[in-house]
């Protein structure tokens, strides 16, 4: 028997697990940047790691203050979740060999397919492809020239 009093006290297990994982990854990144020899390449990953840790702590606090009775996993489609993880890992594996832009295409395309619930037509595919080219080119310019990140 589940009533409002019982479900309101449950914590978001999924949210807490992922936020805790992100805190751990942020701490691992902060440890990893201590081994970098070039001081310029420390700034960006350090900033992102601190932002990741801060946002994850805020998510944990919010989750404890306002629990979600469905444990944070929801009723989403598992193939979409799996596709997103596989494409992100695939992009990470491809990047050292093929470079930033091909890896970004893999991540963008996989994420887009996983996120698009409405179905596809020719117009949507063209609009998303053109938008993707601009977004990926913008990130390339941002990382390569504005932030000075050495890209593979």
C-alpha atoms as a PDB file:
ATOM      1  CA  UNK A   1       0.000   0.000   0.000  1.00  0.00           C
ATOM      2  CA  UNK A   2       1.520   3.283  -1.141  1.00  0.00           C
ATOM      3  CA  UNK A   3       0.165   6.546   0.091  1.00  0.00           C
ATOM      4  CA  UNK A   4       1.438  10.118  -0.059  1.00  0.00           C
ATOM      5  CA  UNK A   5       3.213   9.841   3.298  1.00  0.00           C
ATOM      6  CA  UNK A   6       5.126   6.732   2.212  1.00  0.00           C
ATOM      7  CA  UNK A   7       6.186   7.981  -1.237  1.00  0.00           C
ATOM      8  CA  UNK A   8       7.042  11.505  -0.110  1.00  0.00           C
ATOM      9  CA  UNK A   9       9.867  10.201   2.076  1.00  0.00           C
ATOM     10  CA  UNK A  10      11.597   8.187  -0.663  1.00  0.00           C
ATOM     11  CA  UNK A  11      14.856   9.490  -2.047  1.00  0.00           C
ATOM     12  CA  UNK A  12      15.764   9.634  -5.732  1.00  0.00           C
ATOM     13  CA  UNK A  13      18.112   6.661  -5.849  1.00  0.00           C
ATOM     14  CA  UNK A  14      19.023   7.232  -9.498  1.00  0.00           C
ATOM     15  CA  UNK A  15      19.597  10.948  -9.027  1.00  0.00           C
ATOM     16  CA  UNK A  16      21.705  10.433  -5.913  1.00  0.00           C
ATOM     17  CA  UNK A  17      23.782   7.715  -7.595  1.00  0.00           C
ATOM     18  CA  UNK A  18      24.516   9.736 -10.741  1.00  0.00           C
ATOM     19  CA  UNK A  19      25.218  12.963  -8.820  1.00  0.00           C
ATOM     20  CA  UNK A  20      27.600  11.063  -6.538  1.00  0.00           C
ATOM     21  CA  UNK A  21      29.303   9.526  -9.575  1.00  0.00           C
ATOM     22  CA  UNK A  22      29.760  13.008 -11.064  1.00  0.00           C
ATOM     23  CA  UNK A  23      31.288  14.263  -7.817  1.00  0.00           C
ATOM     24  CA  UNK A  24      33.734  11.367  -7.932  1.00  0.00           C
ATOM     25  CA  UNK A  25      34.580  12.090 -11.581  1.00  0.00           C
ATOM     26  CA  UNK A  26      35.097  15.758 -10.747  1.00  0.00           C
ATOM     27  CA  UNK A  27      37.471  14.849  -7.922  1.00  0.00           C
ATOM     28  CA  UNK A  28      39.301  12.430 -10.227  1.00  0.00           C
ATOM     29  CA  UNK A  29      39.683  15.204 -12.791  1.00  0.00           C
ATOM     30  CA  UNK A  30      41.046  17.589 -10.153  1.00  0.00           C
ATOM     31  CA  UNK A  31      43.587  14.940  -9.183  1.00  0.00           C
ATOM     32  CA  UNK A  32      44.476  14.276 -12.829  1.00  0.00           C
ATOM     33  CA  UNK A  33      45.195  17.926 -13.657  1.00  0.00           C
ATOM     34  CA  UNK A  34      47.925  17.977 -11.014  1.00  0.00           C
ATOM     35  CA  UNK A  35      50.007  15.863 -13.409  1.00  0.00           C
ATOM     36  CA  UNK A  36      49.733  18.319 -16.342  1.00  0.00           C
ATOM     37  CA  UNK A  37      52.998  20.005 -17.233  1.00  0.00           C
ATOM     38  CA  UNK A  38      51.451  22.898 -19.186  1.00  0.00           C
ATOM     39  CA  UNK A  39      49.770  25.317 -16.780  1.00  0.00           C
ATOM     40  CA  UNK A  40      47.516  26.719 -19.541  1.00  0.00           C
ATOM     41  CA  UNK A  41      45.852  23.350 -20.089  1.00  0.00           C
ATOM     42  CA  UNK A  42      44.894  23.073 -16.398  1.00  0.00           C
ATOM     43  CA  UNK A  43      42.428  25.975 -16.365  1.00  0.00           C
ATOM     44  CA  UNK A  44      39.563  24.531 -18.434  1.00  0.00           C
ATOM     45  CA  UNK A  45      39.356  21.032 -16.899  1.00  0.00           C
ATOM     46  CA  UNK A  46      39.739  22.497 -13.401  1.00  0.00           C
ATOM     47  CA  UNK A  47      36.879  24.927 -13.978  1.00  0.00           C
ATOM     48  CA  UNK A  48      34.647  22.204 -15.421  1.00  0.00           C
ATOM     49  CA  UNK A  49      35.490  19.831 -12.547  1.00  0.00           C
ATOM     50  CA  UNK A  50      34.606  22.442  -9.918  1.00  0.00           C
ATOM     51  CA  UNK A  51      31.373  23.310 -11.785  1.00  0.00           C
ATOM     52  CA  UNK A  52      30.486  19.603 -12.022  1.00  0.00           C
ATOM     53  CA  UNK A  53      31.092  19.071  -8.314  1.00  0.00           C
ATOM     54  CA  UNK A  54      29.121  22.180  -7.327  1.00  0.00           C
ATOM     55  CA  UNK A  55      26.150  21.340  -9.553  1.00  0.00           C
ATOM     56  CA  UNK A  56      26.132  17.725  -8.341  1.00  0.00           C
ATOM     57  CA  UNK A  57      26.143  18.816  -4.703  1.00  0.00           C
ATOM     58  CA  UNK A  58      23.236  21.158  -5.439  1.00  0.00           C
ATOM     59  CA  UNK A  59      21.335  18.299  -7.118  1.00  0.00           C
ATOM     60  CA  UNK A  60      21.912  16.081  -4.070  1.00  0.00           C
ATOM     61  CA  UNK A  61      20.687  18.805  -1.709  1.00  0.00           C
ATOM     62  CA  UNK A  62      17.614  19.411  -3.889  1.00  0.00           C
ATOM     63  CA  UNK A  63      16.939  15.684  -4.077  1.00  0.00           C
ATOM     64  CA  UNK A  64      17.054  15.366  -0.291  1.00  0.00           C
ATOM     65  CA  UNK A  65      14.766  18.376   0.172  1.00  0.00           C
ATOM     66  CA  UNK A  66      12.239  17.369  -2.522  1.00  0.00           C
ATOM     67  CA  UNK A  67      12.255  13.608  -3.015  1.00  0.00           C
ATOM     68  CA  UNK A  68      10.819  12.037  -6.142  1.00  0.00           C
ATOM     69  CA  UNK A  69       8.682   8.926  -5.541  1.00  0.00           C
ATOM     70  CA  UNK A  70       9.770   7.156  -8.760  1.00  0.00           C
ATOM     71  CA  UNK A  71      13.371   6.824  -7.478  1.00  0.00           C
ATOM     72  CA  UNK A  72      14.724   9.149 -10.164  1.00  0.00           C
ATOM     73  CA  UNK A  73      14.667   6.612 -12.999  1.00  0.00           C
ATOM     74  CA  UNK A  74      11.295   7.424 -14.534  1.00  0.00           C
ATOM     75  CA  UNK A  75       9.568   5.469 -17.272  1.00  0.00           C
ATOM     76  CA  UNK A  76      11.923   6.401 -20.120  1.00  0.00           C
ATOM     77  CA  UNK A  77      12.896   4.194 -23.016  1.00  0.00           C
ATOM     78  CA  UNK A  78      15.975   2.119 -22.188  1.00  0.00           C
ATOM     79  CA  UNK A  79      17.259   1.903 -25.761  1.00  0.00           C
ATOM     80  CA  UNK A  80      17.531   5.702 -25.837  1.00  0.00           C
ATOM     81  CA  UNK A  81      19.536   5.730 -22.623  1.00  0.00           C
ATOM     82  CA  UNK A  82      21.791   2.958 -23.883  1.00  0.00           C
ATOM     83  CA  UNK A  83      22.261   4.679 -27.258  1.00  0.00           C
ATOM     84  CA  UNK A  84      23.320   7.898 -25.548  1.00  0.00           C
ATOM     85  CA  UNK A  85      25.902   6.126 -23.371  1.00  0.00           C
ATOM     86  CA  UNK A  86      27.239   4.060 -26.285  1.00  0.00           C
ATOM     87  CA  UNK A  87      27.606   7.086 -28.569  1.00  0.00           C
ATOM     88  CA  UNK A  88      29.367   9.127 -25.876  1.00  0.00           C
ATOM     89  CA  UNK A  89      31.781   6.266 -25.187  1.00  0.00           C
ATOM     90  CA  UNK A  90      32.221   5.745 -28.923  1.00  0.00           C
ATOM     91  CA  UNK A  91      33.065   9.413 -29.388  1.00  0.00           C
ATOM     92  CA  UNK A  92      35.650   9.185 -26.599  1.00  0.00           C
ATOM     93  CA  UNK A  93      37.245   6.135 -28.207  1.00  0.00           C
ATOM     94  CA  UNK A  94      37.271   7.654 -31.710  1.00  0.00           C
ATOM     95  CA  UNK A  95      38.652  11.067 -30.713  1.00  0.00           C
ATOM     96  CA  UNK A  96      42.341  10.115 -30.254  1.00  0.00           C
ATOM     97  CA  UNK A  97      42.443   8.433 -33.679  1.00  0.00           C
ATOM     98  CA  UNK A  98      40.084  10.442 -35.870  1.00  0.00           C
ATOM     99  CA  UNK A  99      40.111  13.831 -34.146  1.00  0.00           C
ATOM    100  CA  UNK A 100      37.674  16.199 -32.503  1.00  0.00           C
ATOM    101  CA  UNK A 101      35.231  16.813 -35.342  1.00  0.00           C
ATOM    102  CA  UNK A 102      34.488  13.166 -36.298  1.00  0.00           C
ATOM    103  CA  UNK A 103      34.040  12.293 -32.616  1.00  0.00           C
ATOM    104  CA  UNK A 104      31.716  15.260 -32.203  1.00  0.00           C
ATOM    105  CA  UNK A 105      29.638  14.106 -35.176  1.00  0.00           C
ATOM    106  CA  UNK A 106      29.219  10.682 -33.537  1.00  0.00           C
ATOM    107  CA  UNK A 107      28.208  12.212 -30.189  1.00  0.00           C
ATOM    108  CA  UNK A 108      25.855  14.754 -31.763  1.00  0.00           C
ATOM    109  CA  UNK A 109      24.150  12.270 -34.087  1.00  0.00           C
ATOM    110  CA  UNK A 110      23.709   9.607 -31.414  1.00  0.00           C
ATOM    111  CA  UNK A 111      22.436  12.107 -28.864  1.00  0.00           C
ATOM    112  CA  UNK A 112      20.033  13.570 -31.400  1.00  0.00           C
ATOM    113  CA  UNK A 113      18.579  10.194 -32.358  1.00  0.00           C
ATOM    114  CA  UNK A 114      18.223   9.299 -28.672  1.00  0.00           C
ATOM    115  CA  UNK A 115      16.506  12.590 -27.849  1.00  0.00           C
ATOM    116  CA  UNK A 116      14.168  12.897 -30.851  1.00  0.00           C
ATOM    117  CA  UNK A 117      10.801  11.390 -29.929  1.00  0.00           C
ATOM    118  CA  UNK A 118       8.727  12.897 -32.741  1.00  0.00           C
ATOM    119  CA  UNK A 119      10.032  10.849 -35.649  1.00  0.00           C
ATOM    120  CA  UNK A 120      11.914  12.019 -38.713  1.00  0.00           C
ATOM    121  CA  UNK A 121      11.067  13.620 -42.028  1.00  0.00           C
ATOM    122  CA  UNK A 122      13.340  15.164 -44.674  1.00  0.00           C
ATOM    123  CA  UNK A 123      12.856  18.722 -43.436  1.00  0.00           C
ATOM    124  CA  UNK A 124      13.687  17.812 -39.821  1.00  0.00           C
ATOM    125  CA  UNK A 125      16.785  15.894 -40.883  1.00  0.00           C
ATOM    126  CA  UNK A 126      18.066  18.839 -42.958  1.00  0.00           C
ATOM    127  CA  UNK A 127      17.385  21.388 -40.208  1.00  0.00           C
ATOM    128  CA  UNK A 128      19.058  19.252 -37.534  1.00  0.00           C
ATOM    129  CA  UNK A 129      22.022  18.426 -39.768  1.00  0.00           C
ATOM    130  CA  UNK A 130      22.588  22.106 -40.608  1.00  0.00           C
ATOM    131  CA  UNK A 131      22.184  23.100 -36.965  1.00  0.00           C
ATOM    132  CA  UNK A 132      24.620  20.379 -35.970  1.00  0.00           C
ATOM    133  CA  UNK A 133      27.250  21.637 -38.410  1.00  0.00           C
ATOM    134  CA  UNK A 134      27.009  25.142 -36.946  1.00  0.00           C
ATOM    135  CA  UNK A 135      27.058  23.899 -33.349  1.00  0.00           C
ATOM    136  CA  UNK A 136      30.027  21.574 -33.902  1.00  0.00           C
ATOM    137  CA  UNK A 137      31.951  24.234 -35.819  1.00  0.00           C
ATOM    138  CA  UNK A 138      31.198  26.703 -33.034  1.00  0.00           C
ATOM    139  CA  UNK A 139      32.536  24.343 -30.392  1.00  0.00           C
ATOM    140  CA  UNK A 140      35.619  23.663 -32.502  1.00  0.00           C
ATOM    141  CA  UNK A 141      36.324  27.389 -32.838  1.00  0.00           C
ATOM    142  CA  UNK A 142      35.613  27.948 -29.132  1.00  0.00           C
ATOM    143  CA  UNK A 143      37.909  25.185 -27.917  1.00  0.00           C
ATOM    144  CA  UNK A 144      40.667  25.560 -30.513  1.00  0.00           C
ATOM    145  CA  UNK A 145      40.984  29.336 -30.789  1.00  0.00           C
ATOM    146  CA  UNK A 146      39.171  31.043 -27.918  1.00  0.00           C
ATOM    147  CA  UNK A 147      40.157  28.633 -25.121  1.00  0.00           C
ATOM    148  CA  UNK A 148      43.380  27.379 -26.721  1.00  0.00           C
ATOM    149  CA  UNK A 149      42.595  23.727 -25.980  1.00  0.00           C
ATOM    150  CA  UNK A 150      44.892  21.443 -28.008  1.00  0.00           C
ATOM    151  CA  UNK A 151      42.521  19.192 -29.921  1.00  0.00           C
ATOM    152  CA  UNK A 152      43.413  15.792 -31.384  1.00  0.00           C
END
